[in-house]
Amino acid sequence: MTYSANLVPGTVTLVGGGPGGPGLLTVAGLEAVRQADVILYDRLAPAAVMDENPQAERIPVGKVPRGPYVPQERTNKLLIEHAKAGRKVVRLKGGDSFVFGRGGEEWQACVAAGVPVRIIPGVTSCVAGPELMGVPLTHRHMVQGFTVVSGHVAPGDTRSELDWAQIAKTGTTLVILMGVAHIDDIAARLMDGGLTGNTPVAVIADASLPTQRCLTTTLEKAAEAMAEAEIKPPAITVVGDVAGLNLDGTQVHEPSDH
């Protein structure tokens, strides 16, 4: 698949909208929005950029945690119907379409229906959110990698596919998306897996938006601190020594003893 800046009628373009701030949408993503006949968008997409194309039809297909949502099957059907009607379709998502964005599912559905798909990557919030608050996910002589997981399903839930004890043993920075509701259970599983209670934690809420804020705490106190601070989704939780590092070289929390 090759990249082209020009949208084609009858084609679906999956656009990663970035972490939320309109300025963090890529140039290619903005150009796609400007050319679209119809835009299907979710609640974390940078909605303000759609004002660049007031003629486009806008269709909300978002999902609110434990609230109203549009089933994925309905979203797939809309993408296909509009493309087969000869329209230039943009699916505008938050972050990147292929990082917990169900972009792969939408691509598969379109291909099965004979609808061409194009991809415009987005800046994923799992990297951008911590970065905007000065939390590097890797840092020389401190950590050599990072692991990104979804906390949407609680540990112990039959739908969970994660082995939290093994994740705790990776020696990498852990980035948890969609984990606000289950942080108490997640922290307990990570400590059971070997992480100490004093492991630094940084929680970034509303990354890249005017309401952006960051909470620093420790693993054993994370759930209580997040509740006291009234942290609500969307929020990103970073677990590991880098979460206690200020880029001026000082430590917010002492490094953990893994």
C-alpha atoms as a PDB file:
ATOM      1  CA  MET A   1       0.000   0.000   0.000  1.00  0.00           C
ATOM      2  CA  THR A   2       1.365   3.407  -0.966  1.00  0.00           C
ATOM      3  CA  TYR A   3       0.466   6.707   0.624  1.00  0.00           C
ATOM      4  CA  SER A   4      -1.318   9.413  -1.373  1.00  0.00           C
ATOM      5  CA  ALA A   5      -2.548  12.787  -0.164  1.00  0.00           C
ATOM      6  CA  ASN A   6      -5.554  12.649  -2.491  1.00  0.00           C
ATOM      7  CA  LEU A   7      -8.713  10.889  -1.344  1.00  0.00           C
ATOM      8  CA  VAL A   8     -10.517   8.746  -3.898  1.00  0.00           C
ATOM      9  CA  PRO A   9     -14.305   8.391  -4.116  1.00  0.00           C
ATOM     10  CA  GLY A  10     -15.464   5.011  -2.909  1.00  0.00           C
ATOM     11  CA  THR A  11     -12.501   4.642  -0.547  1.00  0.00           C
ATOM     12  CA  VAL A  12     -12.302   4.587   3.267  1.00  0.00           C
ATOM     13  CA  THR A  13      -9.367   6.418   4.855  1.00  0.00           C
ATOM     14  CA  LEU A  14      -8.551   5.564   8.470  1.00  0.00           C
ATOM     15  CA  VAL A  15      -7.067   8.677  10.064  1.00  0.00           C
ATOM     16  CA  GLY A  16      -5.318   8.616  13.427  1.00  0.00           C
ATOM     17  CA  GLY A  17      -6.245  11.915  15.047  1.00  0.00           C
ATOM     18  CA  GLY A  18      -3.476  12.057  17.639  1.00  0.00           C
ATOM     19  CA  PRO A  19      -3.802  12.412  21.420  1.00  0.00           C
ATOM     20  CA  GLY A  20      -6.504  15.108  21.374  1.00  0.00           C
ATOM     21  CA  GLY A  21      -5.050  18.531  20.692  1.00  0.00           C
ATOM     22  CA  PRO A  22      -5.961  19.580  17.122  1.00  0.00           C
ATOM     23  CA  GLY A  23      -2.402  20.720  16.441  1.00  0.00           C
ATOM     24  CA  LEU A  24      -1.121  17.174  16.893  1.00  0.00           C
ATOM     25  CA  LEU A  25      -3.047  15.798  13.935  1.00  0.00           C
ATOM     26  CA  THR A  26      -0.599  15.096  11.100  1.00  0.00           C
ATOM     27  CA  VAL A  27      -0.530  17.252   7.975  1.00  0.00           C
ATOM     28  CA  ALA A  28      -1.733  14.258   5.952  1.00  0.00           C
ATOM     29  CA  GLY A  29      -4.558  13.641   8.395  1.00  0.00           C
ATOM     30  CA  LEU A  30      -5.713  17.235   8.179  1.00  0.00           C
ATOM     31  CA  GLU A  31      -5.656  17.124   4.376  1.00  0.00           C
ATOM     32  CA  ALA A  32      -7.792  13.972   4.432  1.00  0.00           C
ATOM     33  CA  VAL A  33     -10.351  15.664   6.698  1.00  0.00           C
ATOM     34  CA  ARG A  34     -10.500  18.639   4.339  1.00  0.00           C
ATOM     35  CA  GLN A  35     -11.247  16.384   1.352  1.00  0.00           C
ATOM     36  CA  ALA A  36     -13.806  14.072   2.952  1.00  0.00           C
ATOM     37  CA  ASP A  37     -17.455  13.844   1.936  1.00  0.00           C
ATOM     38  CA  VAL A  38     -18.345  12.120   5.198  1.00  0.00           C
ATOM     39  CA  ILE A  39     -16.448  11.817   8.488  1.00  0.00           C
ATOM     40  CA  LEU A  40     -17.174   9.125  11.049  1.00  0.00           C
ATOM     41  CA  TYR A  41     -15.566  10.197  14.308  1.00  0.00           C
ATOM     42  CA  ASP A  42     -15.234   8.969  17.877  1.00  0.00           C
ATOM     43  CA  ARG A  43     -15.288  10.913  21.136  1.00  0.00           C
ATOM     44  CA  LEU A  44     -11.491  11.122  21.496  1.00  0.00           C
ATOM     45  CA  ALA A  45     -10.901  12.436  17.989  1.00  0.00           C
ATOM     46  CA  PRO A  46      -9.901  16.133  17.647  1.00  0.00           C
ATOM     47  CA  ALA A  47     -13.394  17.316  16.714  1.00  0.00           C
ATOM     48  CA  ALA A  48     -12.285  20.909  16.110  1.00  0.00           C
ATOM     49  CA  VAL A  49     -10.413  19.914  12.954  1.00  0.00           C
ATOM     50  CA  MET A  50     -13.698  18.990  11.283  1.00  0.00           C
ATOM     51  CA  ASP A  51     -14.464  22.707  11.108  1.00  0.00           C
ATOM     52  CA  GLU A  52     -11.873  22.758   8.298  1.00  0.00           C
ATOM     53  CA  ASN A  53     -14.495  21.001   6.175  1.00  0.00           C
ATOM     54  CA  PRO A  54     -17.961  22.373   7.036  1.00  0.00           C
ATOM     55  CA  GLN A  55     -19.527  20.690   3.980  1.00  0.00           C
ATOM     56  CA  ALA A  56     -18.712  17.162   5.133  1.00  0.00           C
ATOM     57  CA  GLU A  57     -21.379  15.046   6.781  1.00  0.00           C
ATOM     58  CA  ARG A  58     -20.388  14.213  10.350  1.00  0.00           C
ATOM     59  CA  ILE A  59     -21.442  10.953  11.960  1.00  0.00           C
ATOM     60  CA  PRO A  60     -20.559  10.258  15.622  1.00  0.00           C
ATOM     61  CA  VAL A  61     -19.701   6.611  16.233  1.00  0.00           C
ATOM     62  CA  GLY A  62     -17.976   6.901  19.589  1.00  0.00           C
ATOM     63  CA  LYS A  63     -18.027   4.705  22.645  1.00  0.00           C
ATOM     64  CA  VAL A  64     -18.358   6.184  26.148  1.00  0.00           C
ATOM     65  CA  PRO A  65     -17.026   3.955  28.970  1.00  0.00           C
ATOM     66  CA  ARG A  66     -20.028   2.386  30.716  1.00  0.00           C
ATOM     67  CA  GLY A  67     -22.238   4.736  28.684  1.00  0.00           C
ATOM     68  CA  PRO A  68     -23.735   5.200  25.205  1.00  0.00           C
ATOM     69  CA  TYR A  69     -21.887   3.584  22.328  1.00  0.00           C
ATOM     70  CA  VAL A  70     -22.241   2.694  18.682  1.00  0.00           C
ATOM     71  CA  PRO A  71     -21.615  -1.031  18.131  1.00  0.00           C
ATOM     72  CA  GLN A  72     -18.559  -1.778  16.022  1.00  0.00           C
ATOM     73  CA  GLU A  73     -20.690  -3.687  13.534  1.00  0.00           C
ATOM     74  CA  ARG A  74     -22.775  -0.562  12.949  1.00  0.00           C
ATOM     75  CA  THR A  75     -19.625   1.512  12.351  1.00  0.00           C
ATOM     76  CA  ASN A  76     -18.341  -1.048   9.853  1.00  0.00           C
ATOM     77  CA  LYS A  77     -21.674  -1.004   8.023  1.00  0.00           C
ATOM     78  CA  LEU A  78     -21.701   2.793   7.781  1.00  0.00           C
ATOM     79  CA  LEU A  79     -18.163   2.898   6.401  1.00  0.00           C
ATOM     80  CA  ILE A  80     -19.055   0.382   3.723  1.00  0.00           C
ATOM     81  CA  GLU A  81     -22.397   1.958   2.807  1.00  0.00           C
ATOM     82  CA  HIS A  82     -20.964   5.444   2.325  1.00  0.00           C
ATOM     83  CA  ALA A  83     -17.962   4.188   0.371  1.00  0.00           C
ATOM     84  CA  LYS A  84     -20.131   2.089  -1.945  1.00  0.00           C
ATOM     85  CA  ALA A  85     -22.242   5.199  -2.551  1.00  0.00           C
ATOM     86  CA  GLY A  86     -19.123   6.734  -4.113  1.00  0.00           C
ATOM     87  CA  ARG A  87     -18.232   9.031  -1.246  1.00  0.00           C
ATOM     88  CA  LYS A  88     -14.798   9.896   0.131  1.00  0.00           C
ATOM     89  CA  VAL A  89     -15.011   8.466   3.642  1.00  0.00           C
ATOM     90  CA  VAL A  90     -12.761   9.396   6.555  1.00  0.00           C
ATOM     91  CA  ARG A  91     -12.802   7.449   9.800  1.00  0.00           C
ATOM     92  CA  LEU A  92     -11.324   9.898  12.326  1.00  0.00           C
ATOM     93  CA  LYS A  93     -10.088   8.326  15.540  1.00  0.00           C
ATOM     94  CA  GLY A  94      -8.192   9.427  18.599  1.00  0.00           C
ATOM     95  CA  GLY A  95      -4.544   8.391  18.778  1.00  0.00           C
ATOM     96  CA  ASP A  96      -3.561   5.852  16.134  1.00  0.00           C
ATOM     97  CA  SER A  97      -6.062   3.597  14.381  1.00  0.00           C
ATOM     98  CA  PHE A  98      -4.035   0.461  15.082  1.00  0.00           C
ATOM     99  CA  VAL A  99      -3.353   1.042  18.796  1.00  0.00           C
ATOM    100  CA  PHE A 100      -6.574  -0.038  20.558  1.00  0.00           C
ATOM    101  CA  GLY A 101      -8.477   1.801  17.822  1.00  0.00           C
ATOM    102  CA  ARG A 102     -10.072  -1.202  16.089  1.00  0.00           C
ATOM    103  CA  GLY A 103      -8.592  -0.015  12.833  1.00  0.00           C
ATOM    104  CA  GLY A 104      -7.673  -3.562  11.909  1.00  0.00           C
ATOM    105  CA  GLU A 105     -11.268  -4.705  12.339  1.00  0.00           C
ATOM    106  CA  GLU A 106     -12.568  -1.878  10.174  1.00  0.00           C
ATOM    107  CA  TRP A 107      -9.986  -2.583   7.493  1.00  0.00           C
ATOM    108  CA  GLN A 108     -10.975  -6.261   7.435  1.00  0.00           C
ATOM    109  CA  ALA A 109     -14.679  -5.425   7.181  1.00  0.00           C
ATOM    110  CA  CYS A 110     -14.105  -3.028   4.293  1.00  0.00           C
ATOM    111  CA  VAL A 111     -11.850  -5.422   2.378  1.00  0.00           C
ATOM    112  CA  ALA A 112     -14.403  -8.231   2.806  1.00  0.00           C
ATOM    113  CA  ALA A 113     -17.004  -5.910   1.238  1.00  0.00           C
ATOM    114  CA  GLY A 114     -14.709  -4.946  -1.633  1.00  0.00           C
ATOM    115  CA  VAL A 115     -14.039  -1.408  -0.349  1.00  0.00           C
ATOM    116  CA  PRO A 116     -10.469  -0.052  -0.688  1.00  0.00           C
ATOM    117  CA  VAL A 117      -8.854   1.230   2.511  1.00  0.00           C
ATOM    118  CA  ARG A 118      -6.085   3.743   3.067  1.00  0.00           C
ATOM    119  CA  ILE A 119      -4.228   4.409   6.314  1.00  0.00           C
ATOM    120  CA  ILE A 120      -2.908   7.685   7.728  1.00  0.00           C
ATOM    121  CA  PRO A 121      -1.069   6.951  10.987  1.00  0.00           C
ATOM    122  CA  GLY A 122      -1.640   9.089  14.043  1.00  0.00           C
ATOM    123  CA  VAL A 123       0.423  10.115  17.066  1.00  0.00           C
ATOM    124  CA  THR A 124      -0.513   7.535  19.681  1.00  0.00           C
ATOM    125  CA  SER A 125      -1.411   8.849  23.117  1.00  0.00           C
ATOM    126  CA  CYS A 126       0.525   6.081  24.865  1.00  0.00           C
ATOM    127  CA  VAL A 127       3.740   7.849  23.860  1.00  0.00           C
ATOM    128  CA  ALA A 128       2.564  11.439  23.417  1.00  0.00           C
ATOM    129  CA  GLY A 129       0.718  11.750  26.738  1.00  0.00           C
ATOM    130  CA  PRO A 130       3.693  10.895  28.956  1.00  0.00           C
ATOM    131  CA  GLU A 131       6.044  12.874  26.706  1.00  0.00           C
ATOM    132  CA  LEU A 132       3.952  16.038  27.042  1.00  0.00           C
ATOM    133  CA  MET A 133       4.356  15.796  30.820  1.00  0.00           C
ATOM    134  CA  GLY A 134       8.105  15.164  30.666  1.00  0.00           C
ATOM    135  CA  VAL A 135       7.935  11.410  31.265  1.00  0.00           C
ATOM    136  CA  PRO A 136      10.255   9.553  28.846  1.00  0.00           C
ATOM    137  CA  LEU A 137       9.184   5.947  28.328  1.00  0.00           C
ATOM    138  CA  THR A 138      12.792   4.924  27.737  1.00  0.00           C
ATOM    139  CA  HIS A 139      15.844   6.492  29.330  1.00  0.00           C
ATOM    140  CA  ARG A 140      19.456   5.462  28.905  1.00  0.00           C
ATOM    141  CA  HIS A 141      20.879   3.467  31.835  1.00  0.00           C
ATOM    142  CA  MET A 142      17.377   3.284  33.363  1.00  0.00           C
ATOM    143  CA  VAL A 143      15.073   1.303  31.073  1.00  0.00           C
ATOM    144  CA  GLN A 144      15.458  -0.155  27.579  1.00  0.00           C
ATOM    145  CA  GLY A 145      11.864  -0.593  26.473  1.00  0.00           C
ATOM    146  CA  PHE A 146       8.204  -0.116  27.221  1.00  0.00           C
ATOM    147  CA  THR A 147       5.090  -2.268  27.230  1.00  0.00           C
ATOM    148  CA  VAL A 148       1.652  -0.920  26.324  1.00  0.00           C
ATOM    149  CA  VAL A 149      -1.491  -2.691  27.528  1.00  0.00           C
ATOM    150  CA  SER A 150      -5.194  -2.030  27.872  1.00  0.00           C
ATOM    151  CA  GLY A 151      -6.690  -1.920  31.369  1.00  0.00           C
ATOM    152  CA  HIS A 152     -10.234  -1.822  30.021  1.00  0.00           C
ATOM    153  CA  VAL A 153     -10.899  -5.348  31.298  1.00  0.00           C
ATOM    154  CA  ALA A 154     -10.188  -6.014  34.969  1.00  0.00           C
ATOM    155  CA  PRO A 155      -7.662  -8.653  36.021  1.00  0.00           C
ATOM    156  CA  GLY A 156      -9.546 -11.821  36.812  1.00  0.00           C
ATOM    157  CA  ASP A 157     -12.310 -11.049  34.349  1.00  0.00           C
ATOM    158  CA  THR A 158     -12.941 -13.974  32.013  1.00  0.00           C
ATOM    159  CA  ARG A 159     -12.377 -11.629  29.064  1.00  0.00           C
ATOM    160  CA  SER A 160      -8.880 -10.662  30.229  1.00  0.00           C
ATOM    161  CA  GLU A 161      -6.049 -11.999  28.076  1.00  0.00           C
ATOM    162  CA  LEU A 162      -3.204 -10.422  30.065  1.00  0.00           C
ATOM    163  CA  ASP A 163      -0.850 -12.133  32.496  1.00  0.00           C
ATOM    164  CA  TRP A 164      -0.166  -9.226  34.828  1.00  0.00           C
ATOM    165  CA  ALA A 165       2.380 -11.167  36.871  1.00  0.00           C
ATOM    166  CA  GLN A 166       4.486 -11.783  33.766  1.00  0.00           C
ATOM    167  CA  ILE A 167       4.099  -8.153  32.678  1.00  0.00           C
ATOM    168  CA  ALA A 168       5.503  -7.109  36.058  1.00  0.00           C
ATOM    169  CA  LYS A 169       8.658  -9.106  35.323  1.00  0.00           C
ATOM    170  CA  THR A 170       9.488  -7.564  31.924  1.00  0.00           C
ATOM    171  CA  GLY A 171      11.788  -4.870  33.286  1.00  0.00           C
ATOM    172  CA  THR A 172      10.198  -2.339  30.944  1.00  0.00           C
ATOM    173  CA  THR A 173       8.172   0.796  31.521  1.00  0.00           C
ATOM    174  CA  LEU A 174       4.494  -0.152  31.655  1.00  0.00           C
ATOM    175  CA  VAL A 175       1.933   2.082  29.956  1.00  0.00           C
ATOM    176  CA  ILE A 176      -1.688   1.320  30.812  1.00  0.00           C
ATOM    177  CA  LEU A 177      -4.448   2.776  28.665  1.00  0.00           C
ATOM    178  CA  MET A 178      -8.100   2.722  29.756  1.00  0.00           C
ATOM    179  CA  GLY A 179      -7.157   1.536  33.239  1.00  0.00           C
ATOM    180  CA  VAL A 180      -8.693   4.137  35.543  1.00  0.00           C
ATOM    181  CA  ALA A 181     -11.613   2.011  36.709  1.00  0.00           C
ATOM    182  CA  HIS A 182      -9.492  -1.039  37.505  1.00  0.00           C
ATOM    183  CA  ILE A 183      -6.251   0.494  38.769  1.00  0.00           C
ATOM    184  CA  ASP A 184      -6.675  -0.957  42.280  1.00  0.00           C
ATOM    185  CA  ASP A 185      -6.830  -4.538  40.981  1.00  0.00           C
ATOM    186  CA  ILE A 186      -4.133  -3.904  38.384  1.00  0.00           C
ATOM    187  CA  ALA A 187      -1.726  -2.490  40.977  1.00  0.00           C
ATOM    188  CA  ALA A 188      -2.335  -5.465  43.257  1.00  0.00           C
ATOM    189  CA  ARG A 189      -1.599  -7.919  40.433  1.00  0.00           C
ATOM    190  CA  LEU A 190       1.589  -6.076  39.494  1.00  0.00           C
ATOM    191  CA  MET A 191       2.805  -6.135  43.085  1.00  0.00           C
ATOM    192  CA  ASP A 192       1.934  -9.818  43.315  1.00  0.00           C
ATOM    193  CA  GLY A 193       4.091 -10.235  40.208  1.00  0.00           C
ATOM    194  CA  GLY A 194       7.115  -8.694  41.883  1.00  0.00           C
ATOM    195  CA  LEU A 195       6.923  -4.908  41.501  1.00  0.00           C
ATOM    196  CA  THR A 196       7.435  -3.123  44.793  1.00  0.00           C
ATOM    197  CA  GLY A 197       4.851  -0.827  46.293  1.00  0.00           C
ATOM    198  CA  ASN A 198       7.192   2.145  45.936  1.00  0.00           C
ATOM    199  CA  THR A 199       7.448   1.768  42.144  1.00  0.00           C
ATOM    200  CA  PRO A 200       6.841   5.271  40.714  1.00  0.00           C
ATOM    201  CA  VAL A 201       3.588   5.918  38.891  1.00  0.00           C
ATOM    202  CA  ALA A 202       2.587   8.901  36.755  1.00  0.00           C
ATOM    203  CA  VAL A 203      -1.000   9.411  35.628  1.00  0.00           C
ATOM    204  CA  ILE A 204      -1.630  11.795  32.724  1.00  0.00           C
ATOM    205  CA  ALA A 205      -5.222  12.923  32.232  1.00  0.00           C
ATOM    206  CA  ASP A 206      -6.586  14.790  29.188  1.00  0.00           C
ATOM    207  CA  ALA A 207      -3.231  14.631  27.421  1.00  0.00           C
ATOM    208  CA  SER A 208      -2.587  17.538  24.997  1.00  0.00           C
ATOM    209  CA  LEU A 209      -5.805  19.334  25.968  1.00  0.00           C
ATOM    210  CA  PRO A 210      -6.067  22.595  27.954  1.00  0.00           C
ATOM    211  CA  THR A 211      -7.256  20.497  30.923  1.00  0.00           C
ATOM    212  CA  GLN A 212      -4.154  18.277  30.850  1.00  0.00           C
ATOM    213  CA  ARG A 213      -2.719  17.394  34.251  1.00  0.00           C
ATOM    214  CA  CYS A 214      -0.326  14.878  35.761  1.00  0.00           C
ATOM    215  CA  LEU A 215      -0.415  13.039  39.068  1.00  0.00           C
ATOM    216  CA  THR A 216       2.718  11.364  40.462  1.00  0.00           C
ATOM    217  CA  THR A 217       2.420   8.678  43.095  1.00  0.00           C
ATOM    218  CA  THR A 218       3.534   5.104  43.800  1.00  0.00           C
ATOM    219  CA  LEU A 219       2.066   1.770  42.835  1.00  0.00           C
ATOM    220  CA  GLU A 220       0.712   0.943  46.275  1.00  0.00           C
ATOM    221  CA  LYS A 221      -0.933   4.364  46.588  1.00  0.00           C
ATOM    222  CA  ALA A 222      -2.057   4.780  42.977  1.00  0.00           C
ATOM    223  CA  ALA A 223      -5.728   3.874  43.389  1.00  0.00           C
ATOM    224  CA  GLU A 224      -6.185   6.092  46.453  1.00  0.00           C
ATOM    225  CA  ALA A 225      -4.303   9.012  44.906  1.00  0.00           C
ATOM    226  CA  MET A 226      -6.276   8.796  41.657  1.00  0.00           C
ATOM    227  CA  ALA A 227      -9.559   8.708  43.546  1.00  0.00           C
ATOM    228  CA  GLU A 228      -8.584  11.719  45.669  1.00  0.00           C
ATOM    229  CA  ALA A 229      -7.512  13.653  42.570  1.00  0.00           C
ATOM    230  CA  GLU A 230     -10.751  12.644  40.828  1.00  0.00           C
ATOM    231  CA  ILE A 231      -8.905  11.327  37.796  1.00  0.00           C
ATOM    232  CA  LYS A 232     -11.384  10.454  35.059  1.00  0.00           C
ATOM    233  CA  PRO A 233     -10.900   8.866  31.619  1.00  0.00           C
ATOM    234  CA  PRO A 234      -9.177   9.452  29.318  1.00  0.00           C
ATOM    235  CA  ALA A 235      -6.028   8.963  31.353  1.00  0.00           C
ATOM    236  CA  ILE A 236      -2.724   7.175  30.823  1.00  0.00           C
ATOM    237  CA  THR A 237      -0.942   5.404  33.666  1.00  0.00           C
ATOM    238  CA  VAL A 238       2.834   4.979  33.491  1.00  0.00           C
ATOM    239  CA  VAL A 239       4.462   2.506  35.882  1.00  0.00           C
ATOM    240  CA  GLY A 240       8.213   2.371  36.294  1.00  0.00           C
ATOM    241  CA  ASP A 241      11.237   4.372  37.377  1.00  0.00           C
ATOM    242  CA  VAL A 242      10.847   6.885  34.519  1.00  0.00           C
ATOM    243  CA  ALA A 243       7.533   7.931  36.102  1.00  0.00           C
ATOM    244  CA  GLY A 244       9.516   9.402  38.975  1.00  0.00           C
ATOM    245  CA  LEU A 245      12.098  11.154  36.833  1.00  0.00           C
ATOM    246  CA  ASN A 246      12.065  14.893  36.293  1.00  0.00           C
ATOM    247  CA  LEU A 247      13.966  15.783  33.157  1.00  0.00           C
ATOM    248  CA  ASP A 248      16.085  18.211  35.159  1.00  0.00           C
ATOM    249  CA  GLY A 249      17.692  15.118  36.650  1.00  0.00           C
ATOM    250  CA  THR A 250      15.915  14.984  40.013  1.00  0.00           C
ATOM    251  CA  GLN A 251      13.672  12.207  41.220  1.00  0.00           C
ATOM    252  CA  VAL A 252      10.060  12.753  42.225  1.00  0.00           C
ATOM    253  CA  HIS A 253      10.180   9.335  43.885  1.00  0.00           C
ATOM    254  CA  GLU A 254      13.126   7.137  44.691  1.00  0.00           C
ATOM    255  CA  PRO A 255      13.827   4.426  42.110  1.00  0.00           C
ATOM    256  CA  SER A 256      12.115   1.156  42.931  1.00  0.00           C
ATOM    257  CA  ASP A 257      14.013  -1.927  44.040  1.00  0.00           C
ATOM    258  CA  HIS A 258      12.734  -4.509  41.551  1.00  0.00           C
END
